[in-house]
Amino acid sequence: MTLHVKLSLCLAVLMFFQAVSSRTIDDREIEELQRTRRDMTWDTKVGKGSVFGTLGSDDQGLFGKGGYKQDIFNDNRGKLEGQAYGKRVLGQTGDSSFFGGKLDWNNVNKDAKATVELTKQIHGPTNVDASLSKVWNFDKNTRLSAGGTFNQDLGKGKPDYGVGAKFQHDF
């Protein structure tokens, strides 16, 4: 399945929710009283990756989310997974749409993890979120773990960041 087909599938899901949003709030409230919650989730292998999605409802309203994920590599360097996704929410207080991408790296042999995520809300801010962590084992009872986070809405204010470390020795 080509990238154009995958993007067309995601666009079709989002267009479905746009058509549903033309109903009145009273129609949605009546249906909510009559129906129980039923989310539909799928995950289908496509090429080297998979297409995933969910249609359902929560406290914010009706939502549809979908995307594509793929393992970029999984070898002695660790495992790197990439995702591209989108979400549409139809709520009583307003509608929202966003899309984004994420890279997750994990190396079990070296006890290291890193994640970078970039999201864009339609008619809203672009956000960057990154985190990393590492564990150093000095011997069978002693270890040092450290990590950090970074989050910023691009073009707005200062970033939020955090750093932490823990030294642990088991007696």
C-alpha atoms as a PDB file:
ATOM      1  CA  MET A   1       0.000   0.000   0.000  1.00  0.00           C
ATOM      2  CA  THR A   2       1.526   3.327  -1.012  1.00  0.00           C
ATOM      3  CA  LEU A   3       1.774   6.400   1.145  1.00  0.00           C
ATOM      4  CA  HIS A   4      -0.953   8.112  -0.927  1.00  0.00           C
ATOM      5  CA  VAL A   5      -3.390   5.287  -0.194  1.00  0.00           C
ATOM      6  CA  LYS A   6      -2.572   5.396   3.531  1.00  0.00           C
ATOM      7  CA  LEU A   7      -3.067   9.155   3.686  1.00  0.00           C
ATOM      8  CA  SER A   8      -6.306   8.849   1.697  1.00  0.00           C
ATOM      9  CA  LEU A   9      -7.601   6.327   4.225  1.00  0.00           C
ATOM     10  CA  CYS A  10      -6.824   8.669   7.128  1.00  0.00           C
ATOM     11  CA  LEU A  11      -8.428  11.589   5.255  1.00  0.00           C
ATOM     12  CA  ALA A  12     -11.594   9.538   4.623  1.00  0.00           C
ATOM     13  CA  VAL A  13     -11.941   8.849   8.360  1.00  0.00           C
ATOM     14  CA  LEU A  14     -11.541  12.538   9.181  1.00  0.00           C
ATOM     15  CA  MET A  15     -14.083  13.535   6.483  1.00  0.00           C
ATOM     16  CA  PHE A  16     -16.574  11.077   7.991  1.00  0.00           C
ATOM     17  CA  PHE A  17     -16.352  12.881  11.305  1.00  0.00           C
ATOM     18  CA  GLN A  18     -16.746  16.263   9.621  1.00  0.00           C
ATOM     19  CA  ALA A  19     -20.036  15.046   8.121  1.00  0.00           C
ATOM     20  CA  VAL A  20     -21.198  13.793  11.525  1.00  0.00           C
ATOM     21  CA  SER A  21     -20.442  17.188  13.095  1.00  0.00           C
ATOM     22  CA  SER A  22     -23.222  18.827  11.037  1.00  0.00           C
ATOM     23  CA  ARG A  23     -25.830  17.256  13.352  1.00  0.00           C
ATOM     24  CA  THR A  24     -27.242  19.333  16.208  1.00  0.00           C
ATOM     25  CA  ILE A  25     -26.174  18.957  19.815  1.00  0.00           C
ATOM     26  CA  ASP A  26     -29.717  17.858  20.737  1.00  0.00           C
ATOM     27  CA  ASP A  27     -29.455  14.936  18.285  1.00  0.00           C
ATOM     28  CA  ARG A  28     -26.192  13.848  19.901  1.00  0.00           C
ATOM     29  CA  GLU A  29     -27.601  14.120  23.447  1.00  0.00           C
ATOM     30  CA  ILE A  30     -30.633  11.971  22.574  1.00  0.00           C
ATOM     31  CA  GLU A  31     -28.418   9.327  20.955  1.00  0.00           C
ATOM     32  CA  GLU A  32     -26.059   9.370  23.934  1.00  0.00           C
ATOM     33  CA  LEU A  33     -28.926   8.526  26.294  1.00  0.00           C
ATOM     34  CA  GLN A  34     -30.051   5.635  24.082  1.00  0.00           C
ATOM     35  CA  ARG A  35     -26.696   4.035  23.193  1.00  0.00           C
ATOM     36  CA  THR A  36     -23.885   2.490  25.165  1.00  0.00           C
ATOM     37  CA  ARG A  37     -20.270   3.249  24.366  1.00  0.00           C
ATOM     38  CA  ARG A  38     -18.818   1.164  21.537  1.00  0.00           C
ATOM     39  CA  ASP A  39     -15.338   1.994  20.316  1.00  0.00           C
ATOM     40  CA  MET A  40     -14.072   0.350  17.164  1.00  0.00           C
ATOM     41  CA  THR A  41     -10.320  -0.240  16.938  1.00  0.00           C
ATOM     42  CA  TRP A  42      -8.290  -1.838  14.171  1.00  0.00           C
ATOM     43  CA  ASP A  43      -4.668  -2.581  13.382  1.00  0.00           C
ATOM     44  CA  THR A  44      -3.799  -3.969   9.942  1.00  0.00           C
ATOM     45  CA  LYS A  45      -0.384  -4.971   8.599  1.00  0.00           C
ATOM     46  CA  VAL A  46       0.568  -2.991   5.511  1.00  0.00           C
ATOM     47  CA  GLY A  47       3.971  -3.388   3.884  1.00  0.00           C
ATOM     48  CA  LYS A  48       6.681  -3.113   6.545  1.00  0.00           C
ATOM     49  CA  GLY A  49       4.361  -1.418   9.041  1.00  0.00           C
ATOM     50  CA  SER A  50       0.740  -1.236  10.090  1.00  0.00           C
ATOM     51  CA  VAL A  51      -2.239   1.073   9.777  1.00  0.00           C
ATOM     52  CA  PHE A  52      -4.097   1.625  13.053  1.00  0.00           C
ATOM     53  CA  GLY A  53      -7.179   3.517  14.098  1.00  0.00           C
ATOM     54  CA  THR A  54     -10.010   3.992  16.557  1.00  0.00           C
ATOM     55  CA  LEU A  55     -13.508   5.416  16.198  1.00  0.00           C
ATOM     56  CA  GLY A  56     -15.401   6.128  19.397  1.00  0.00           C
ATOM     57  CA  SER A  57     -16.489   8.610  22.030  1.00  0.00           C
ATOM     58  CA  ASP A  58     -15.160   9.912  25.331  1.00  0.00           C
ATOM     59  CA  ASP A  59     -15.675  12.911  27.637  1.00  0.00           C
ATOM     60  CA  GLN A  60     -14.599  15.308  24.883  1.00  0.00           C
ATOM     61  CA  GLY A  61     -17.131  13.949  22.361  1.00  0.00           C
ATOM     62  CA  LEU A  62     -16.894  11.779  19.263  1.00  0.00           C
ATOM     63  CA  PHE A  63     -13.407  11.076  17.986  1.00  0.00           C
ATOM     64  CA  GLY A  64     -11.586   9.344  15.200  1.00  0.00           C
ATOM     65  CA  LYS A  65      -7.890   8.714  15.200  1.00  0.00           C
ATOM     66  CA  GLY A  66      -5.719   6.823  12.813  1.00  0.00           C
ATOM     67  CA  GLY A  67      -2.221   6.529  11.544  1.00  0.00           C
ATOM     68  CA  TYR A  68       0.655   4.429  10.313  1.00  0.00           C
ATOM     69  CA  LYS A  69       3.535   2.943  12.338  1.00  0.00           C
ATOM     70  CA  GLN A  70       6.623   1.104  11.230  1.00  0.00           C
ATOM     71  CA  ASP A  71       9.794  -0.351  12.739  1.00  0.00           C
ATOM     72  CA  ILE A  72      12.652   1.509  11.066  1.00  0.00           C
ATOM     73  CA  PHE A  73      15.272  -0.844  12.491  1.00  0.00           C
ATOM     74  CA  ASN A  74      15.464  -3.517  15.175  1.00  0.00           C
ATOM     75  CA  ASP A  75      19.038  -4.769  15.610  1.00  0.00           C
ATOM     76  CA  ASN A  76      22.108  -4.242  17.809  1.00  0.00           C
ATOM     77  CA  ARG A  77      21.508  -0.465  17.661  1.00  0.00           C
ATOM     78  CA  GLY A  78      18.181  -1.009  19.394  1.00  0.00           C
ATOM     79  CA  LYS A  79      14.660  -0.613  18.080  1.00  0.00           C
ATOM     80  CA  LEU A  80      13.505   2.558  16.296  1.00  0.00           C
ATOM     81  CA  GLU A  81       9.794   2.905  15.572  1.00  0.00           C
ATOM     82  CA  GLY A  82       8.198   5.752  13.628  1.00  0.00           C
ATOM     83  CA  GLN A  83       4.553   6.847  13.630  1.00  0.00           C
ATOM     84  CA  ALA A  84       2.444   9.335  11.719  1.00  0.00           C
ATOM     85  CA  TYR A  85      -1.093   9.947  12.970  1.00  0.00           C
ATOM     86  CA  GLY A  86      -4.080  12.253  13.061  1.00  0.00           C
ATOM     87  CA  LYS A  87      -7.101  12.798  15.296  1.00  0.00           C
ATOM     88  CA  ARG A  88     -10.443  14.566  14.922  1.00  0.00           C
ATOM     89  CA  VAL A  89     -12.695  15.324  17.915  1.00  0.00           C
ATOM     90  CA  LEU A  90     -16.291  16.529  17.628  1.00  0.00           C
ATOM     91  CA  GLY A  91     -17.380  17.968  20.966  1.00  0.00           C
ATOM     92  CA  GLN A  92     -20.175  20.042  22.406  1.00  0.00           C
ATOM     93  CA  THR A  93     -17.754  22.868  23.155  1.00  0.00           C
ATOM     94  CA  GLY A  94     -16.169  22.762  19.695  1.00  0.00           C
ATOM     95  CA  ASP A  95     -14.267  20.596  17.278  1.00  0.00           C
ATOM     96  CA  SER A  96     -10.525  20.042  17.022  1.00  0.00           C
ATOM     97  CA  SER A  97      -8.131  18.312  14.654  1.00  0.00           C
ATOM     98  CA  PHE A  98      -4.469  17.559  14.955  1.00  0.00           C
ATOM     99  CA  PHE A  99      -1.788  15.477  13.326  1.00  0.00           C
ATOM    100  CA  GLY A 100       1.703  14.506  14.306  1.00  0.00           C
ATOM    101  CA  GLY A 101       4.664  12.224  14.124  1.00  0.00           C
ATOM    102  CA  LYS A 102       6.690  10.331  16.670  1.00  0.00           C
ATOM    103  CA  LEU A 103      10.012   8.500  16.827  1.00  0.00           C
ATOM    104  CA  ASP A 104      10.622   5.993  19.655  1.00  0.00           C
ATOM    105  CA  TRP A 105      14.068   4.490  20.213  1.00  0.00           C
ATOM    106  CA  ASN A 106      14.718   1.792  22.785  1.00  0.00           C
ATOM    107  CA  ASN A 107      17.870  -0.237  23.400  1.00  0.00           C
ATOM    108  CA  VAL A 108      17.180  -2.949  25.964  1.00  0.00           C
ATOM    109  CA  ASN A 109      20.831  -4.077  26.018  1.00  0.00           C
ATOM    110  CA  LYS A 110      22.038  -0.605  27.021  1.00  0.00           C
ATOM    111  CA  ASP A 111      18.994   0.356  29.163  1.00  0.00           C
ATOM    112  CA  ALA A 112      18.396   3.496  27.102  1.00  0.00           C
ATOM    113  CA  LYS A 113      15.226   5.115  25.692  1.00  0.00           C
ATOM    114  CA  ALA A 114      14.482   8.265  23.711  1.00  0.00           C
ATOM    115  CA  THR A 115      11.299   9.719  22.220  1.00  0.00           C
ATOM    116  CA  VAL A 116      10.676  12.754  20.016  1.00  0.00           C
ATOM    117  CA  GLU A 117       7.133  13.798  19.109  1.00  0.00           C
ATOM    118  CA  LEU A 118       5.956  16.693  16.954  1.00  0.00           C
ATOM    119  CA  THR A 119       2.240  17.584  16.887  1.00  0.00           C
ATOM    120  CA  LYS A 120       0.262  20.302  15.127  1.00  0.00           C
ATOM    121  CA  GLN A 121      -3.264  21.333  16.058  1.00  0.00           C
ATOM    122  CA  ILE A 122      -5.177  22.713  13.087  1.00  0.00           C
ATOM    123  CA  HIS A 123      -5.538  26.487  13.665  1.00  0.00           C
ATOM    124  CA  GLY A 124      -3.472  26.046  16.808  1.00  0.00           C
ATOM    125  CA  PRO A 125       0.045  25.596  18.116  1.00  0.00           C
ATOM    126  CA  THR A 126       2.785  23.227  17.045  1.00  0.00           C
ATOM    127  CA  ASN A 127       4.258  21.275  19.944  1.00  0.00           C
ATOM    128  CA  VAL A 128       7.598  19.491  20.392  1.00  0.00           C
ATOM    129  CA  ASP A 129       7.941  16.894  23.131  1.00  0.00           C
ATOM    130  CA  ALA A 130      11.147  14.943  23.772  1.00  0.00           C
ATOM    131  CA  SER A 131      12.350  12.622  26.511  1.00  0.00           C
ATOM    132  CA  LEU A 132      15.305  10.371  27.157  1.00  0.00           C
ATOM    133  CA  SER A 133      16.523   8.068  29.894  1.00  0.00           C
ATOM    134  CA  LYS A 134      19.514   5.844  30.575  1.00  0.00           C
ATOM    135  CA  VAL A 135      20.497   3.341  33.284  1.00  0.00           C
ATOM    136  CA  TRP A 136      24.110   2.570  34.132  1.00  0.00           C
ATOM    137  CA  ASN A 137      24.710  -0.660  36.074  1.00  0.00           C
ATOM    138  CA  PHE A 138      27.960  -0.431  38.063  1.00  0.00           C
ATOM    139  CA  ASP A 139      27.648  -3.902  39.559  1.00  0.00           C
ATOM    140  CA  LYS A 140      24.816  -6.310  40.372  1.00  0.00           C
ATOM    141  CA  ASN A 141      23.596  -4.122  43.290  1.00  0.00           C
ATOM    142  CA  THR A 142      24.468  -0.580  42.204  1.00  0.00           C
ATOM    143  CA  ARG A 143      22.973   1.513  39.424  1.00  0.00           C
ATOM    144  CA  LEU A 144      22.493   5.098  38.340  1.00  0.00           C
ATOM    145  CA  SER A 145      19.468   6.128  36.304  1.00  0.00           C
ATOM    146  CA  ALA A 146      19.055   9.547  34.710  1.00  0.00           C
ATOM    147  CA  GLY A 147      16.631  11.165  32.332  1.00  0.00           C
ATOM    148  CA  GLY A 148      15.258  14.382  30.978  1.00  0.00           C
ATOM    149  CA  THR A 149      12.206  15.869  29.277  1.00  0.00           C
ATOM    150  CA  PHE A 150      11.606  18.846  27.000  1.00  0.00           C
ATOM    151  CA  ASN A 151       8.264  20.306  25.899  1.00  0.00           C
ATOM    152  CA  GLN A 152       7.468  23.491  24.008  1.00  0.00           C
ATOM    153  CA  ASP A 153       4.706  25.054  21.973  1.00  0.00           C
ATOM    154  CA  LEU A 154       6.771  26.524  19.129  1.00  0.00           C
ATOM    155  CA  GLY A 155       6.636  30.302  18.916  1.00  0.00           C
ATOM    156  CA  LYS A 156       5.063  30.675  22.380  1.00  0.00           C
ATOM    157  CA  GLY A 157       6.924  31.327  25.582  1.00  0.00           C
ATOM    158  CA  LYS A 158       9.691  29.370  27.189  1.00  0.00           C
ATOM    159  CA  PRO A 159      10.041  25.593  27.088  1.00  0.00           C
ATOM    160  CA  ASP A 160       9.215  23.249  29.953  1.00  0.00           C
ATOM    161  CA  TYR A 161      12.053  20.916  30.781  1.00  0.00           C
ATOM    162  CA  GLY A 162      13.063  18.556  33.506  1.00  0.00           C
ATOM    163  CA  VAL A 163      16.079  16.555  34.551  1.00  0.00           C
ATOM    164  CA  GLY A 164      16.239  13.778  37.105  1.00  0.00           C
ATOM    165  CA  ALA A 165      18.694  11.217  38.402  1.00  0.00           C
ATOM    166  CA  LYS A 166      18.648   8.403  40.935  1.00  0.00           C
ATOM    167  CA  PHE A 167      21.521   6.502  42.503  1.00  0.00           C
ATOM    168  CA  GLN A 168      20.489   3.152  43.942  1.00  0.00           C
ATOM    169  CA  HIS A 169      22.427   0.535  45.899  1.00  0.00           C
ATOM    170  CA  ASP A 170      20.724  -2.634  47.151  1.00  0.00           C
ATOM    171  CA  PHE A 171      22.233  -3.953  50.390  1.00  0.00           C
END
